PDB file of all heavy atoms in Angstrom:
ATOM      1  N   PHE A   1       6.585 -17.023  11.909  1.00  0.00           N
ATOM      2  CA  PHE A   1       5.583 -17.520  12.862  1.00  0.00           C
ATOM      3  C   PHE A   1       5.600 -16.778  14.200  1.00  0.00           C
ATOM      4  O   PHE A   1       4.794 -17.062  15.070  1.00  0.00           O
ATOM      5  CB  PHE A   1       5.770 -19.018  13.093  1.00  0.00           C
ATOM      6  CG  PHE A   1       7.142 -19.384  13.593  1.00  0.00           C
ATOM      7  CD1 PHE A   1       7.486 -19.249  14.925  1.00  0.00           C
ATOM      8  CD2 PHE A   1       8.101 -19.849  12.703  1.00  0.00           C
ATOM      9  CE1 PHE A   1       8.756 -19.568  15.369  1.00  0.00           C
ATOM     10  CE2 PHE A   1       9.369 -20.179  13.142  1.00  0.00           C
ATOM     11  CZ  PHE A   1       9.704 -20.027  14.475  1.00  0.00           C
ATOM     12  N   VAL A   2       6.499 -15.822  14.393  1.00  0.00           N
ATOM     13  CA  VAL A   2       6.583 -15.097  15.667  1.00  0.00           C
ATOM     14  C   VAL A   2       5.452 -14.075  15.763  1.00  0.00           C
ATOM     15  O   VAL A   2       5.228 -13.301  14.845  1.00  0.00           O
ATOM     16  CB  VAL A   2       7.951 -14.384  15.790  1.00  0.00           C
ATOM     17  CG1 VAL A   2       7.973 -13.416  16.957  1.00  0.00           C
ATOM     18  CG2 VAL A   2       9.058 -15.412  15.939  1.00  0.00           C
ATOM     19  N   GLY A   3       4.749 -14.069  16.894  1.00  0.00           N
ATOM     20  CA  GLY A   3       3.714 -13.063  17.138  1.00  0.00           C
ATOM     21  C   GLY A   3       2.441 -13.305  16.348  1.00  0.00           C
ATOM     22  O   GLY A   3       2.226 -14.363  15.764  1.00  0.00           O
ATOM     23  N   HIS A   4       1.583 -12.293  16.357  1.00  0.00           N
ATOM     24  CA  HIS A   4       0.306 -12.323  15.649  1.00  0.00           C
ATOM     25  C   HIS A   4       0.370 -11.361  14.474  1.00  0.00           C
ATOM     26  O   HIS A   4       1.209 -10.467  14.454  1.00  0.00           O
ATOM     27  CB  HIS A   4      -0.831 -11.898  16.587  1.00  0.00           C
ATOM     28  CG  HIS A   4      -0.941 -12.760  17.803  1.00  0.00           C
ATOM     29  ND1 HIS A   4      -1.401 -14.054  17.760  1.00  0.00           N
ATOM     30  CD2 HIS A   4      -0.633 -12.512  19.101  1.00  0.00           C
ATOM     31  CE1 HIS A   4      -1.381 -14.573  18.975  1.00  0.00           C
ATOM     32  NE2 HIS A   4      -0.909 -13.658  19.811  1.00  0.00           N
ATOM     33  N   GLN A   5      -0.554 -11.522  13.526  1.00  0.00           N
ATOM     34  CA  GLN A   5      -0.578 -10.638  12.369  1.00  0.00           C
ATOM     35  C   GLN A   5      -0.606  -9.177  12.818  1.00  0.00           C
ATOM     36  O   GLN A   5      -1.307  -8.828  13.769  1.00  0.00           O
ATOM     37  CB  GLN A   5      -1.789 -10.942  11.496  1.00  0.00           C
ATOM     38  CG  GLN A   5      -1.730 -10.211  10.177  1.00  0.00           C
ATOM     39  CD  GLN A   5      -2.859 -10.595   9.248  1.00  0.00           C
ATOM     40  OE1 GLN A   5      -3.592 -11.542   9.495  1.00  0.00           O
ATOM     41  NE2 GLN A   5      -2.991  -9.864   8.173  1.00  0.00           N
ATOM     42  N   LYS A   6       0.166  -8.355  12.136  1.00  0.00           N
ATOM     43  CA  LYS A   6       0.318  -6.908  12.381  1.00  0.00           C
ATOM     44  C   LYS A   6       1.179  -6.586  13.600  1.00  0.00           C
ATOM     45  O   LYS A   6       1.396  -5.420  13.902  1.00  0.00           O
ATOM     46  CB  LYS A   6      -1.039  -6.196  12.504  1.00  0.00           C
ATOM     47  CG  LYS A   6      -1.922  -6.384  11.296  1.00  0.00           C
ATOM     48  CD  LYS A   6      -1.992  -5.128  10.480  1.00  0.00           C
ATOM     49  CE  LYS A   6      -2.960  -5.276   9.343  1.00  0.00           C
ATOM     50  NZ  LYS A   6      -2.423  -4.923   8.066  1.00  0.00           N
ATOM     51  N   ASP A   7       1.664  -7.589  14.351  1.00  0.00           N
ATOM     52  CA  ASP A   7       2.622  -7.309  15.429  1.00  0.00           C
ATOM     53  C   ASP A   7       3.899  -6.732  14.826  1.00  0.00           C
ATOM     54  O   ASP A   7       4.246  -7.045  13.692  1.00  0.00           O
ATOM     55  CB  ASP A   7       2.977  -8.591  16.201  1.00  0.00           C
ATOM     56  CG  ASP A   7       1.942  -8.944  17.258  1.00  0.00           C
ATOM     57  OD1 ASP A   7       0.945  -8.211  17.396  1.00  0.00           O
ATOM     58  OD2 ASP A   7       2.140  -9.966  17.938  1.00  0.00           O
ATOM     59  N   MET A   8       4.590  -5.910  15.616  1.00  0.00           N
ATOM     60  CA  MET A   8       5.804  -5.231  15.148  1.00  0.00           C
ATOM     61  C   MET A   8       7.000  -5.601  16.013  1.00  0.00           C
ATOM     62  O   MET A   8       6.877  -5.759  17.223  1.00  0.00           O
ATOM     63  CB  MET A   8       5.649  -3.716  15.268  1.00  0.00           C
ATOM     64  CG  MET A   8       4.426  -3.153  14.635  1.00  0.00           C
ATOM     65  SD  MET A   8       4.681  -2.892  12.903  1.00  0.00           S
ATOM     66  CE  MET A   8       3.186  -2.056  12.489  1.00  0.00           C
ATOM     67  N   GLY A   9       8.161  -5.677  15.368  1.00  0.00           N
ATOM     68  CA  GLY A   9       9.431  -5.817  16.068  1.00  0.00           C
ATOM     69  C   GLY A   9      10.369  -4.754  15.541  1.00  0.00           C
ATOM     70  O   GLY A   9      10.493  -4.582  14.328  1.00  0.00           O
ATOM     71  N   ARG A  10      11.016  -3.993  16.430  1.00  0.00           N
ATOM     72  CA  ARG A  10      11.890  -2.899  15.992  1.00  0.00           C
ATOM     73  C   ARG A  10      13.298  -3.074  16.523  1.00  0.00           C
ATOM     74  O   ARG A  10      13.483  -3.377  17.699  1.00  0.00           O
ATOM     75  CB  ARG A  10      11.336  -1.559  16.472  1.00  0.00           C
ATOM     76  CG  ARG A  10      10.043  -1.184  15.808  1.00  0.00           C
ATOM     77  CD  ARG A  10       9.533   0.187  16.259  1.00  0.00           C
ATOM     78  NE  ARG A  10       8.124   0.266  15.996  1.00  0.00           N
ATOM     79  CZ  ARG A  10       7.170  -0.083  16.865  1.00  0.00           C
ATOM     80  NH1 ARG A  10       7.489  -0.509  18.067  1.00  0.00           N
ATOM     81  NH2 ARG A  10       5.909   0.007  16.534  1.00  0.00           N
ATOM     82  N   LEU A  11      14.255  -2.860  15.634  1.00  0.00           N
ATOM     83  CA  LEU A  11      15.669  -2.924  15.980  1.00  0.00           C
ATOM     84  C   LEU A  11      16.267  -1.571  15.606  1.00  0.00           C
ATOM     85  O   LEU A  11      16.189  -1.152  14.459  1.00  0.00           O
ATOM     86  CB  LEU A  11      16.325  -4.050  15.172  1.00  0.00           C
ATOM     87  CG  LEU A  11      17.762  -4.389  15.487  1.00  0.00           C
ATOM     88  CD1 LEU A  11      17.914  -4.890  16.925  1.00  0.00           C
ATOM     89  CD2 LEU A  11      18.268  -5.452  14.510  1.00  0.00           C
ATOM     90  N   LYS A  12      16.834  -0.890  16.615  1.00  0.00           N
ATOM     91  CA  LYS A  12      17.357   0.463  16.388  1.00  0.00           C
ATOM     92  C   LYS A  12      18.865   0.474  16.309  1.00  0.00           C
ATOM     93  O   LYS A  12      19.541  -0.158  17.114  1.00  0.00           O
ATOM     94  CB  LYS A  12      16.950   1.384  17.536  1.00  0.00           C
ATOM     95  CG  LYS A  12      15.519   1.798  17.500  1.00  0.00           C
ATOM     96  CD  LYS A  12      15.216   2.827  18.555  1.00  0.00           C
ATOM     97  CE  LYS A  12      13.744   3.176  18.490  1.00  0.00           C
ATOM     98  NZ  LYS A  12      13.322   4.056  19.548  1.00  0.00           N
ATOM     99  N   LEU A  13      19.364   1.214  15.328  1.00  0.00           N
ATOM    100  CA  LEU A  13      20.786   1.482  15.205  1.00  0.00           C
ATOM    101  C   LEU A  13      21.000   2.903  15.702  1.00  0.00           C
ATOM    102  O   LEU A  13      20.492   3.858  15.111  1.00  0.00           O
ATOM    103  CB  LEU A  13      21.220   1.356  13.738  1.00  0.00           C
ATOM    104  CG  LEU A  13      22.624   1.825  13.405  1.00  0.00           C
ATOM    105  CD1 LEU A  13      23.669   1.064  14.207  1.00  0.00           C
ATOM    106  CD2 LEU A  13      22.882   1.689  11.910  1.00  0.00           C
ATOM    107  N   LEU A  14      21.702   3.030  16.839  1.00  0.00           N
ATOM    108  CA  LEU A  14      21.961   4.349  17.396  1.00  0.00           C
ATOM    109  C   LEU A  14      23.162   4.957  16.689  1.00  0.00           C
ATOM    110  O   LEU A  14      24.228   4.341  16.601  1.00  0.00           O
ATOM    111  CB  LEU A  14      22.225   4.255  18.901  1.00  0.00           C
ATOM    112  CG  LEU A  14      21.114   3.579  19.706  1.00  0.00           C
ATOM    113  CD1 LEU A  14      21.437   3.592  21.187  1.00  0.00           C
ATOM    114  CD2 LEU A  14      19.774   4.250  19.470  1.00  0.00           C
ATOM    115  N   LEU A  15      22.979   6.161  16.162  1.00  0.00           N
ATOM    116  CA  LEU A  15      24.045   6.841  15.430  1.00  0.00           C
ATOM    117  C   LEU A  15      24.568   7.992  16.273  1.00  0.00           C
ATOM    118  O   LEU A  15      23.806   8.852  16.698  1.00  0.00           O
ATOM    119  CB  LEU A  15      23.509   7.388  14.107  1.00  0.00           C
ATOM    120  CG  LEU A  15      22.912   6.358  13.157  1.00  0.00           C
ATOM    121  CD1 LEU A  15      22.278   7.046  11.966  1.00  0.00           C
ATOM    122  CD2 LEU A  15      23.973   5.379  12.703  1.00  0.00           C
ATOM    123  N   THR A  16      25.855   8.004  16.504  1.00  0.00           N
ATOM    124  CA  THR A  16      26.463   9.109  17.241  1.00  0.00           C
ATOM    125  C   THR A  16      27.518   9.739  16.343  1.00  0.00           C
ATOM    126  O   THR A  16      28.016   9.111  15.410  1.00  0.00           O
ATOM    127  CB  THR A  16      27.124   8.615  18.541  1.00  0.00           C
ATOM    128  OG1 THR A  16      28.026   7.563  18.213  1.00  0.00           O
ATOM    129  CG2 THR A  16      26.075   8.096  19.522  1.00  0.00           C
ATOM    130  N   ASP A  17      27.826  10.950  16.609  1.00  0.00           N
ATOM    131  CA  ASP A  17      28.891  11.683  15.911  1.00  0.00           C
ATOM    132  C   ASP A  17      28.647  11.905  14.419  1.00  0.00           C
ATOM    133  O   ASP A  17      29.592  12.050  13.658  1.00  0.00           O
ATOM    134  CB  ASP A  17      30.253  10.970  16.079  1.00  0.00           C
ATOM    135  CG  ASP A  17      30.606  10.757  17.539  1.00  0.00           C
ATOM    136  OD1 ASP A  17      30.244  11.628  18.352  1.00  0.00           O
ATOM    137  OD2 ASP A  17      31.223   9.735  17.859  1.00  0.00           O
ATOM    138  N   LEU A  18      27.383  11.932  13.983  1.00  0.00           N
ATOM    139  CA  LEU A  18      27.139  12.317  12.595  1.00  0.00           C
ATOM    140  C   LEU A  18      27.226  13.836  12.510  1.00  0.00           C
ATOM    141  O   LEU A  18      26.659  14.539  13.333  1.00  0.00           O
ATOM    142  CB  LEU A  18      25.752  11.868  12.119  1.00  0.00           C
ATOM    143  CG  LEU A  18      25.525  10.378  11.911  1.00  0.00           C
ATOM    144  CD1 LEU A  18      24.196  10.157  11.202  1.00  0.00           C
ATOM    145  CD2 LEU A  18      26.646   9.734  11.129  1.00  0.00           C
ATOM    146  N   LYS A  19      27.933  14.333  11.503  1.00  0.00           N
ATOM    147  CA  LYS A  19      28.119  15.779  11.378  1.00  0.00           C
ATOM    148  C   LYS A  19      26.856  16.425  10.825  1.00  0.00           C
ATOM    149  O   LYS A  19      26.290  15.936   9.848  1.00  0.00           O
ATOM    150  CB  LYS A  19      29.281  16.071  10.430  1.00  0.00           C
ATOM    151  CG  LYS A  19      30.621  15.653  10.965  1.00  0.00           C
ATOM    152  CD  LYS A  19      31.722  16.146  10.051  1.00  0.00           C
ATOM    153  CE  LYS A  19      33.010  15.446  10.362  1.00  0.00           C
ATOM    154  NZ  LYS A  19      33.377  14.459   9.365  1.00  0.00           N
ATOM    155  N   PRO A  20      26.418  17.552  11.438  1.00  0.00           N
ATOM    156  CA  PRO A  20      25.268  18.280  10.876  1.00  0.00           C
ATOM    157  C   PRO A  20      25.610  18.785   9.476  1.00  0.00           C
ATOM    158  O   PRO A  20      26.776  18.993   9.154  1.00  0.00           O
ATOM    159  CB  PRO A  20      25.062  19.451  11.834  1.00  0.00           C
ATOM    160  CG  PRO A  20      25.849  19.122  13.057  1.00  0.00           C
ATOM    161  CD  PRO A  20      26.921  18.168  12.649  1.00  0.00           C
ATOM    162  N   LYS A  21      24.582  18.984   8.678  1.00  0.00           N
ATOM    163  CA  LYS A  21      24.719  19.496   7.321  1.00  0.00           C
ATOM    164  C   LYS A  21      25.648  18.636   6.460  1.00  0.00           C
ATOM    165  O   LYS A  21      26.417  19.139   5.660  1.00  0.00           O
ATOM    166  CB  LYS A  21      25.190  20.956   7.340  1.00  0.00           C
ATOM    167  CG  LYS A  21      24.190  21.867   8.038  1.00  0.00           C
ATOM    168  CD  LYS A  21      24.548  23.316   7.846  1.00  0.00           C
ATOM    169  CE  LYS A  21      23.421  24.207   8.227  1.00  0.00           C
ATOM    170  NZ  LYS A  21      23.215  24.567   9.549  1.00  0.00           N
ATOM    171  N   SER A  22      25.570  17.335   6.662  1.00  0.00           N
ATOM    172  CA  SER A  22      26.320  16.381   5.846  1.00  0.00           C
ATOM    173  C   SER A  22      25.336  15.370   5.277  1.00  0.00           C
ATOM    174  O   SER A  22      24.221  15.248   5.756  1.00  0.00           O
ATOM    175  CB  SER A  22      27.338  15.628   6.700  1.00  0.00           C
ATOM    176  OG  SER A  22      28.269  16.512   7.258  1.00  0.00           O
ATOM    177  N   SER A  23      25.769  14.633   4.269  1.00  0.00           N
ATOM    178  CA  SER A  23      24.914  13.566   3.756  1.00  0.00           C
ATOM    179  C   SER A  23      25.632  12.239   3.925  1.00  0.00           C
ATOM    180  O   SER A  23      26.853  12.156   3.886  1.00  0.00           O
ATOM    181  CB  SER A  23      24.541  13.811   2.304  1.00  0.00           C
ATOM    182  OG  SER A  23      25.682  14.013   1.528  1.00  0.00           O
ATOM    183  N   TYR A  24      24.828  11.207   4.144  1.00  0.00           N
ATOM    184  CA  TYR A  24      25.324   9.858   4.366  1.00  0.00           C
ATOM    185  C   TYR A  24      24.488   8.896   3.544  1.00  0.00           C
ATOM    186  O   TYR A  24      23.360   9.203   3.165  1.00  0.00           O
ATOM    187  CB  TYR A  24      25.222   9.470   5.847  1.00  0.00           C
ATOM    188  CG  TYR A  24      26.100  10.304   6.730  1.00  0.00           C
ATOM    189  CD1 TYR A  24      25.634  11.481   7.283  1.00  0.00           C
ATOM    190  CD2 TYR A  24      27.406   9.913   7.012  1.00  0.00           C
ATOM    191  CE1 TYR A  24      26.445  12.264   8.088  1.00  0.00           C
ATOM    192  CE2 TYR A  24      28.224  10.684   7.819  1.00  0.00           C
ATOM    193  CZ  TYR A  24      27.742  11.856   8.353  1.00  0.00           C
ATOM    194  OH  TYR A  24      28.552  12.627   9.142  1.00  0.00           O
ATOM    195  N   CYS A  25      25.027   7.715   3.334  1.00  0.00           N
ATOM    196  CA  CYS A  25      24.282   6.661   2.656  1.00  0.00           C
ATOM    197  C   CYS A  25      24.275   5.433   3.552  1.00  0.00           C
ATOM    198  O   CYS A  25      25.334   4.975   3.997  1.00  0.00           O
ATOM    199  CB  CYS A  25      24.940   6.323   1.323  1.00  0.00           C
ATOM    200  SG  CYS A  25      24.067   5.013   0.434  1.00  0.00           S
ATOM    201  N   LEU A  26      23.085   4.943   3.847  1.00  0.00           N
ATOM    202  CA  LEU A  26      22.918   3.716   4.617  1.00  0.00           C
ATOM    203  C   LEU A  26      22.650   2.601   3.608  1.00  0.00           C
ATOM    204  O   LEU A  26      21.690   2.675   2.839  1.00  0.00           O
ATOM    205  CB  LEU A  26      21.739   3.850   5.580  1.00  0.00           C
ATOM    206  CG  LEU A  26      21.500   2.659   6.494  1.00  0.00           C
ATOM    207  CD1 LEU A  26      22.552   2.630   7.595  1.00  0.00           C
ATOM    208  CD2 LEU A  26      20.119   2.720   7.103  1.00  0.00           C
ATOM    209  N   ILE A  27      23.528   1.607   3.583  1.00  0.00           N
ATOM    210  CA  ILE A  27      23.390   0.473   2.671  1.00  0.00           C
ATOM    211  C   ILE A  27      23.209  -0.777   3.524  1.00  0.00           C
ATOM    212  O   ILE A  27      23.913  -0.948   4.525  1.00  0.00           O
ATOM    213  CB  ILE A  27      24.647   0.335   1.781  1.00  0.00           C
ATOM    214  CG1 ILE A  27      24.883   1.634   0.995  1.00  0.00           C
ATOM    215  CG2 ILE A  27      24.499  -0.846   0.814  1.00  0.00           C
ATOM    216  CD1 ILE A  27      26.199   1.672   0.241  1.00  0.00           C
ATOM    217  N   PHE A  28      22.271  -1.627   3.150  1.00  0.00           N
ATOM    218  CA  PHE A  28      22.013  -2.831   3.947  1.00  0.00           C
ATOM    219  C   PHE A  28      21.517  -3.959   3.053  1.00  0.00           C
ATOM    220  O   PHE A  28      20.996  -3.729   1.968  1.00  0.00           O
ATOM    221  CB  PHE A  28      20.993  -2.547   5.063  1.00  0.00           C
ATOM    222  CG  PHE A  28      19.685  -1.996   4.569  1.00  0.00           C
ATOM    223  CD1 PHE A  28      18.598  -2.836   4.354  1.00  0.00           C
ATOM    224  CD2 PHE A  28      19.532  -0.637   4.317  1.00  0.00           C
ATOM    225  CE1 PHE A  28      17.388  -2.334   3.890  1.00  0.00           C
ATOM    226  CE2 PHE A  28      18.330  -0.124   3.848  1.00  0.00           C
ATOM    227  CZ  PHE A  28      17.256  -0.968   3.640  1.00  0.00           C
ATOM    228  N   SER A  29      21.706  -5.178   3.527  1.00  0.00           N
ATOM    229  CA  SER A  29      21.158  -6.355   2.844  1.00  0.00           C
ATOM    230  C   SER A  29      19.869  -6.736   3.555  1.00  0.00           C
ATOM    231  O   SER A  29      19.783  -6.624   4.781  1.00  0.00           O
ATOM    232  CB  SER A  29      22.134  -7.527   2.933  1.00  0.00           C
ATOM    233  OG  SER A  29      23.332  -7.211   2.284  1.00  0.00           O
ATOM    234  N   TYR A  30      18.891  -7.188   2.795  1.00  0.00           N
ATOM    235  CA  TYR A  30      17.628  -7.606   3.399  1.00  0.00           C
ATOM    236  C   TYR A  30      17.063  -8.773   2.608  1.00  0.00           C
ATOM    237  O   TYR A  30      17.403  -8.983   1.451  1.00  0.00           O
ATOM    238  CB  TYR A  30      16.627  -6.443   3.446  1.00  0.00           C
ATOM    239  CG  TYR A  30      16.113  -6.031   2.093  1.00  0.00           C
ATOM    240  CD1 TYR A  30      14.922  -6.564   1.594  1.00  0.00           C
ATOM    241  CD2 TYR A  30      16.816  -5.127   1.302  1.00  0.00           C
ATOM    242  CE1 TYR A  30      14.454  -6.198   0.345  1.00  0.00           C
ATOM    243  CE2 TYR A  30      16.353  -4.764   0.052  1.00  0.00           C
ATOM    244  CZ  TYR A  30      15.174  -5.297  -0.415  1.00  0.00           C
ATOM    245  OH  TYR A  30      14.709  -4.948  -1.651  1.00  0.00           O
ATOM    246  N   ARG A  31      16.189  -9.514   3.284  1.00  0.00           N
ATOM    247  CA  ARG A  31      15.521 -10.638   2.636  1.00  0.00           C
ATOM    248  C   ARG A  31      14.130 -10.803   3.230  1.00  0.00           C
ATOM    249  O   ARG A  31      13.961 -10.777   4.446  1.00  0.00           O
ATOM    250  CB  ARG A  31      16.328 -11.906   2.863  1.00  0.00           C
ATOM    251  CG  ARG A  31      15.759 -13.101   2.143  1.00  0.00           C
ATOM    252  CD  ARG A  31      16.691 -14.265   2.217  1.00  0.00           C
ATOM    253  NE  ARG A  31      16.614 -14.863   3.555  1.00  0.00           N
ATOM    254  CZ  ARG A  31      16.969 -16.102   3.826  1.00  0.00           C
ATOM    255  NH1 ARG A  31      17.474 -16.864   2.885  1.00  0.00           N
ATOM    256  NH2 ARG A  31      16.849 -16.586   5.030  1.00  0.00           N
ATOM    257  N   LEU A  32      13.138 -10.948   2.346  1.00  0.00           N
ATOM    258  CA  LEU A  32      11.776 -11.283   2.754  1.00  0.00           C
ATOM    259  C   LEU A  32      11.489 -12.633   2.121  1.00  0.00           C
ATOM    260  O   LEU A  32      11.271 -12.721   0.918  1.00  0.00           O
ATOM    261  CB  LEU A  32      10.781 -10.230   2.264  1.00  0.00           C
ATOM    262  CG  LEU A  32      10.944  -8.881   2.969  1.00  0.00           C
ATOM    263  CD1 LEU A  32      10.966  -7.752   1.976  1.00  0.00           C
ATOM    264  CD2 LEU A  32       9.860  -8.685   3.982  1.00  0.00           C
ATOM    265  N   ALA A  33      11.563 -13.685   2.928  1.00  0.00           N
ATOM    266  CA  ALA A  33      11.409 -15.044   2.415  1.00  0.00           C
ATOM    267  C   ALA A  33      10.116 -15.645   2.948  1.00  0.00           C
ATOM    268  O   ALA A  33       9.847 -15.579   4.145  1.00  0.00           O
ATOM    269  CB  ALA A  33      12.595 -15.899   2.854  1.00  0.00           C
ATOM    270  N   GLY A  34       9.306 -16.204   2.061  1.00  0.00           N
ATOM    271  CA  GLY A  34       8.066 -16.847   2.486  1.00  0.00           C
ATOM    272  C   GLY A  34       6.837 -16.127   1.971  1.00  0.00           C
ATOM    273  O   GLY A  34       6.861 -14.933   1.697  1.00  0.00           O
ATOM    274  N   GLU A  35       5.764 -16.868   1.844  1.00  0.00           N
ATOM    275  CA  GLU A  35       4.496 -16.331   1.359  1.00  0.00           C
ATOM    276  C   GLU A  35       3.844 -15.460   2.438  1.00  0.00           C
ATOM    277  O   GLU A  35       3.711 -15.881   3.576  1.00  0.00           O
ATOM    278  CB  GLU A  35       3.574 -17.517   1.014  1.00  0.00           C
ATOM    279  CG  GLU A  35       2.290 -17.149   0.336  1.00  0.00           C
ATOM    280  CD  GLU A  35       2.464 -16.672  -1.096  1.00  0.00           C
ATOM    281  OE1 GLU A  35       3.470 -17.052  -1.724  1.00  0.00           O
ATOM    282  OE2 GLU A  35       1.596 -15.919  -1.569  1.00  0.00           O
ATOM    283  N   LYS A  36       3.467 -14.238   2.098  1.00  0.00           N
ATOM    284  CA  LYS A  36       2.792 -13.309   3.021  1.00  0.00           C
ATOM    285  C   LYS A  36       3.550 -13.175   4.344  1.00  0.00           C
ATOM    286  O   LYS A  36       2.963 -13.194   5.423  1.00  0.00           O
ATOM    287  CB  LYS A  36       1.353 -13.760   3.272  1.00  0.00           C
ATOM    288  CG  LYS A  36       0.531 -13.748   2.012  1.00  0.00           C
ATOM    289  CD  LYS A  36      -0.906 -14.147   2.260  1.00  0.00           C
ATOM    290  CE  LYS A  36      -1.678 -14.078   0.967  1.00  0.00           C
ATOM    291  NZ  LYS A  36      -2.852 -14.885   0.924  1.00  0.00           N
ATOM    292  N   VAL A  37       4.885 -13.007   4.248  1.00  0.00           N
ATOM    293  CA  VAL A  37       5.731 -12.959   5.447  1.00  0.00           C
ATOM    294  C   VAL A  37       5.563 -11.655   6.229  1.00  0.00           C
ATOM    295  O   VAL A  37       5.758 -11.632   7.428  1.00  0.00           O
ATOM    296  CB  VAL A  37       7.214 -13.228   5.077  1.00  0.00           C
ATOM    297  CG1 VAL A  37       7.803 -12.051   4.332  1.00  0.00           C
ATOM    298  CG2 VAL A  37       8.030 -13.574   6.297  1.00  0.00           C
ATOM    299  N   GLY A  38       5.182 -10.583   5.554  1.00  0.00           N
ATOM    300  CA  GLY A  38       4.999  -9.311   6.253  1.00  0.00           C
ATOM    301  C   GLY A  38       5.729  -8.187   5.557  1.00  0.00           C
ATOM    302  O   GLY A  38       5.976  -8.234   4.355  1.00  0.00           O
ATOM    303  N   LYS A  39       6.090  -7.143   6.336  1.00  0.00           N
ATOM    304  CA  LYS A  39       6.725  -5.948   5.777  1.00  0.00           C
ATOM    305  C   LYS A  39       7.997  -5.622   6.538  1.00  0.00           C
ATOM    306  O   LYS A  39       8.081  -5.860   7.747  1.00  0.00           O
ATOM    307  CB  LYS A  39       5.791  -4.742   5.892  1.00  0.00           C
ATOM    308  CG  LYS A  39       4.564  -4.844   5.040  1.00  0.00           C
ATOM    309  CD  LYS A  39       3.706  -3.609   5.187  1.00  0.00           C
ATOM    310  CE  LYS A  39       2.442  -3.782   4.354  1.00  0.00           C
ATOM    311  NZ  LYS A  39       1.502  -2.694   4.541  1.00  0.00           N
ATOM    312  N   LEU A  40       8.934  -5.035   5.833  1.00  0.00           N
ATOM    313  CA  LEU A  40      10.138  -4.488   6.439  1.00  0.00           C
ATOM    314  C   LEU A  40      10.149  -3.002   6.117  1.00  0.00           C
ATOM    315  O   LEU A  40       9.998  -2.621   4.956  1.00  0.00           O
ATOM    316  CB  LEU A  40      11.389  -5.165   5.874  1.00  0.00           C
ATOM    317  CG  LEU A  40      12.732  -4.615   6.358  1.00  0.00           C
ATOM    318  CD1 LEU A  40      12.892  -4.802   7.865  1.00  0.00           C
ATOM    319  CD2 LEU A  40      13.884  -5.284   5.622  1.00  0.00           C
ATOM    320  N   ARG A  41      10.281  -2.186   7.155  1.00  0.00           N
ATOM    321  CA  ARG A  41      10.308  -0.730   6.980  1.00  0.00           C
ATOM    322  C   ARG A  41      11.550  -0.175   7.662  1.00  0.00           C
ATOM    323  O   ARG A  41      12.043  -0.758   8.620  1.00  0.00           O
ATOM    324  CB  ARG A  41       9.091  -0.081   7.634  1.00  0.00           C
ATOM    325  CG  ARG A  41       7.783  -0.471   7.064  1.00  0.00           C
ATOM    326  CD  ARG A  41       6.665   0.316   7.751  1.00  0.00           C
ATOM    327  NE  ARG A  41       5.382  -0.221   7.374  1.00  0.00           N
ATOM    328  CZ  ARG A  41       4.662  -1.059   8.116  1.00  0.00           C
ATOM    329  NH1 ARG A  41       5.093  -1.460   9.290  1.00  0.00           N
ATOM    330  NH2 ARG A  41       3.503  -1.505   7.696  1.00  0.00           N
ATOM    331  N   VAL A  42      11.979   0.987   7.174  1.00  0.00           N
ATOM    332  CA  VAL A  42      13.086   1.697   7.809  1.00  0.00           C
ATOM    333  C   VAL A  42      12.615   3.116   8.102  1.00  0.00           C
ATOM    334  O   VAL A  42      12.048   3.787   7.234  1.00  0.00           O
ATOM    335  CB  VAL A  42      14.344   1.718   6.915  1.00  0.00           C
ATOM    336  CG1 VAL A  42      15.478   2.470   7.607  1.00  0.00           C
ATOM    337  CG2 VAL A  42      14.776   0.309   6.544  1.00  0.00           C
ATOM    338  N   PHE A  43      12.847   3.541   9.346  1.00  0.00           N
ATOM    339  CA  PHE A  43      12.496   4.888   9.791  1.00  0.00           C
ATOM    340  C   PHE A  43      13.762   5.624  10.212  1.00  0.00           C
ATOM    341  O   PHE A  43      14.666   5.015  10.786  1.00  0.00           O
ATOM    342  CB  PHE A  43      11.569   4.835  11.017  1.00  0.00           C
ATOM    343  CG  PHE A  43      10.217   4.272  10.750  1.00  0.00           C
ATOM    344  CD1 PHE A  43       9.996   2.905  10.799  1.00  0.00           C
ATOM    345  CD2 PHE A  43       9.145   5.100  10.457  1.00  0.00           C
ATOM    346  CE1 PHE A  43       8.744   2.365  10.561  1.00  0.00           C
ATOM    347  CE2 PHE A  43       7.875   4.570  10.218  1.00  0.00           C
ATOM    348  CZ  PHE A  43       7.678   3.199  10.268  1.00  0.00           C
ATOM    349  N   LEU A  44      13.791   6.935   9.953  1.00  0.00           N
ATOM    350  CA  LEU A  44      14.844   7.786  10.499  1.00  0.00           C
ATOM    351  C   LEU A  44      14.265   8.530  11.686  1.00  0.00           C
ATOM    352  O   LEU A  44      13.098   8.911  11.677  1.00  0.00           O
ATOM    353  CB  LEU A  44      15.337   8.784   9.446  1.00  0.00           C
ATOM    354  CG  LEU A  44      15.961   8.168   8.195  1.00  0.00           C
ATOM    355  CD1 LEU A  44      16.380   9.267   7.215  1.00  0.00           C
ATOM    356  CD2 LEU A  44      17.148   7.296   8.552  1.00  0.00           C
ATOM    357  N   ALA A  45      15.085   8.755  12.704  1.00  0.00           N
ATOM    358  CA  ALA A  45      14.601   9.341  13.955  1.00  0.00           C
ATOM    359  C   ALA A  45      13.929  10.685  13.758  1.00  0.00           C
ATOM    360  O   ALA A  45      12.955  10.996  14.423  1.00  0.00           O
ATOM    361  CB  ALA A  45      15.750   9.487  14.942  1.00  0.00           C
TER     362      ALA A  45
END
């Protein structure tokens, strides 16, 4: 119920000290509960 339809909320995880030319795996738990609750997206900087 927070905000209006299509409003966005962003939470950033700042990453420091990642080595160049390396690979990492980001693992997370998520839940979308409720009818037409919206979308969850993940962006890399």
